[in-house]
């Protein structure tokens, strides 16, 4: 068995990202005026949440590892949401 065959396989980072980050549906309650789920509240997700899943935020960096430790230069900008004790973010630390 070659060295490449014996290495532990892991999914590519984009596959992990697709599993862990939930995107918003365009019309979760159906088309405008549709009777589909008329009396049910709109939910963010139709299946149970798994460990590590979260939704995207428009107000955060997509690649936190890339921006780690870089201050914002715009006057009055709030500080970034860095974790000073952690310099890498999974699954990107496995690359």
Protein backbone atom coordinates (compact mmCIF):
# COMPACT_ATOMS: atom_id res chain seq x y z
CA UNK A 1 0.00 0.00 0.00
CA UNK A 2 1.43 3.39 -0.97
CA UNK A 3 1.74 6.34 1.40
CA UNK A 4 -1.09 8.16 -0.42
CA UNK A 5 -3.44 5.22 0.10
CA UNK A 6 -2.73 4.99 3.81
CA UNK A 7 -3.45 8.67 4.56
CA UNK A 8 -6.75 9.42 6.22
CA UNK A 9 -9.32 10.74 3.76
CA UNK A 10 -11.20 13.91 4.56
CA UNK A 11 -13.69 15.88 2.53
CA UNK A 12 -12.61 18.96 0.70
CA UNK A 13 -13.15 22.20 2.59
CA UNK A 14 -15.94 23.29 0.23
CA UNK A 15 -17.86 20.06 0.95
CA UNK A 16 -17.48 20.59 4.71
CA UNK A 17 -18.58 24.19 4.30
CA UNK A 18 -21.66 23.16 2.34
CA UNK A 19 -22.65 20.77 5.14
CA UNK A 20 -22.06 23.20 7.99
CA UNK A 21 -23.34 26.50 6.60
CA UNK A 22 -27.05 26.79 5.94
CA UNK A 23 -28.18 29.19 3.21
CA UNK A 24 -31.53 30.94 3.29
CA UNK A 25 -34.27 29.68 1.01
CA UNK A 26 -35.64 32.22 -1.45
CA UNK A 27 -39.27 31.52 -0.66
CA UNK A 28 -39.50 29.13 2.32
CA UNK A 29 -43.24 29.69 2.63
CA UNK A 30 -43.90 29.12 -1.10
CA UNK A 31 -44.63 31.59 -3.87
CA UNK A 32 -46.31 34.91 -3.02
CA UNK A 33 -49.99 34.30 -2.30
CA UNK A 34 -49.59 30.53 -2.28
CA UNK A 35 -51.81 28.55 0.14
CA UNK A 36 -48.84 26.24 0.79
CA UNK A 37 -48.26 26.21 4.60
CA UNK A 38 -50.54 29.20 5.00
CA UNK A 39 -51.16 28.63 8.71
CA UNK A 40 -47.66 27.44 9.68
CA UNK A 41 -44.87 29.76 10.85
CA UNK A 42 -41.86 30.13 8.60
CA UNK A 43 -38.93 28.10 9.86
CA UNK A 44 -35.27 28.61 9.10
CA UNK A 45 -34.68 24.89 8.55
CA UNK A 46 -36.92 21.90 7.90
CA UNK A 47 -34.54 19.23 9.24
CA UNK A 48 -32.97 18.96 12.70
CA UNK A 49 -29.80 20.95 13.36
CA UNK A 50 -26.56 18.97 13.36
CA UNK A 51 -23.42 19.69 15.37
CA UNK A 52 -21.46 22.56 13.81
CA UNK A 53 -24.22 23.84 11.52
CA UNK A 54 -24.93 27.56 11.37
CA UNK A 55 -26.36 30.08 8.96
CA UNK A 56 -24.41 32.65 7.00
CA UNK A 57 -24.22 36.20 8.30
CA UNK A 58 -23.95 39.21 6.01
CA UNK A 59 -22.07 41.07 8.71
CA UNK A 60 -19.10 38.75 9.20
CA UNK A 61 -16.05 37.65 7.22
CA UNK A 62 -16.54 34.51 5.18
CA UNK A 63 -12.91 33.42 5.57
CA UNK A 64 -12.10 34.26 9.18
CA UNK A 65 -8.66 32.64 9.00
CA UNK A 66 -7.65 35.01 6.21
CA UNK A 67 -8.61 38.10 8.23
CA UNK A 68 -7.36 36.86 11.62
CA UNK A 69 -5.48 39.62 13.44
CA UNK A 70 -6.11 42.27 10.77
CA UNK A 71 -7.73 45.41 12.22
CA UNK A 72 -10.41 47.26 10.28
CA UNK A 73 -9.13 50.54 8.85
CA UNK A 74 -12.41 52.44 8.53
CA UNK A 75 -12.91 55.07 11.22
CA UNK A 76 -15.55 54.07 13.76
CA UNK A 77 -15.69 50.44 12.62
CA UNK A 78 -16.40 47.93 15.36
CA UNK A 79 -13.65 45.40 16.14
CA UNK A 80 -13.60 42.11 14.28
CA UNK A 81 -14.94 38.99 15.99
CA UNK A 82 -11.55 37.34 16.21
CA UNK A 83 -10.69 34.78 18.81
CA UNK A 84 -7.20 35.90 19.89
CA UNK A 85 -6.48 32.45 21.34
CA UNK A 86 -7.18 30.62 18.09
CA UNK A 87 -5.37 31.32 14.82
CA UNK A 88 -7.06 28.71 12.65
CA UNK A 89 -10.62 27.72 11.91
CA UNK A 90 -11.65 24.17 10.97
CA UNK A 91 -11.94 22.75 8.32
CA UNK A 92 -9.35 25.14 6.84
CA UNK A 93 -6.68 24.24 9.39
CA UNK A 94 -6.46 20.73 7.86
CA UNK A 95 -5.13 21.98 4.51
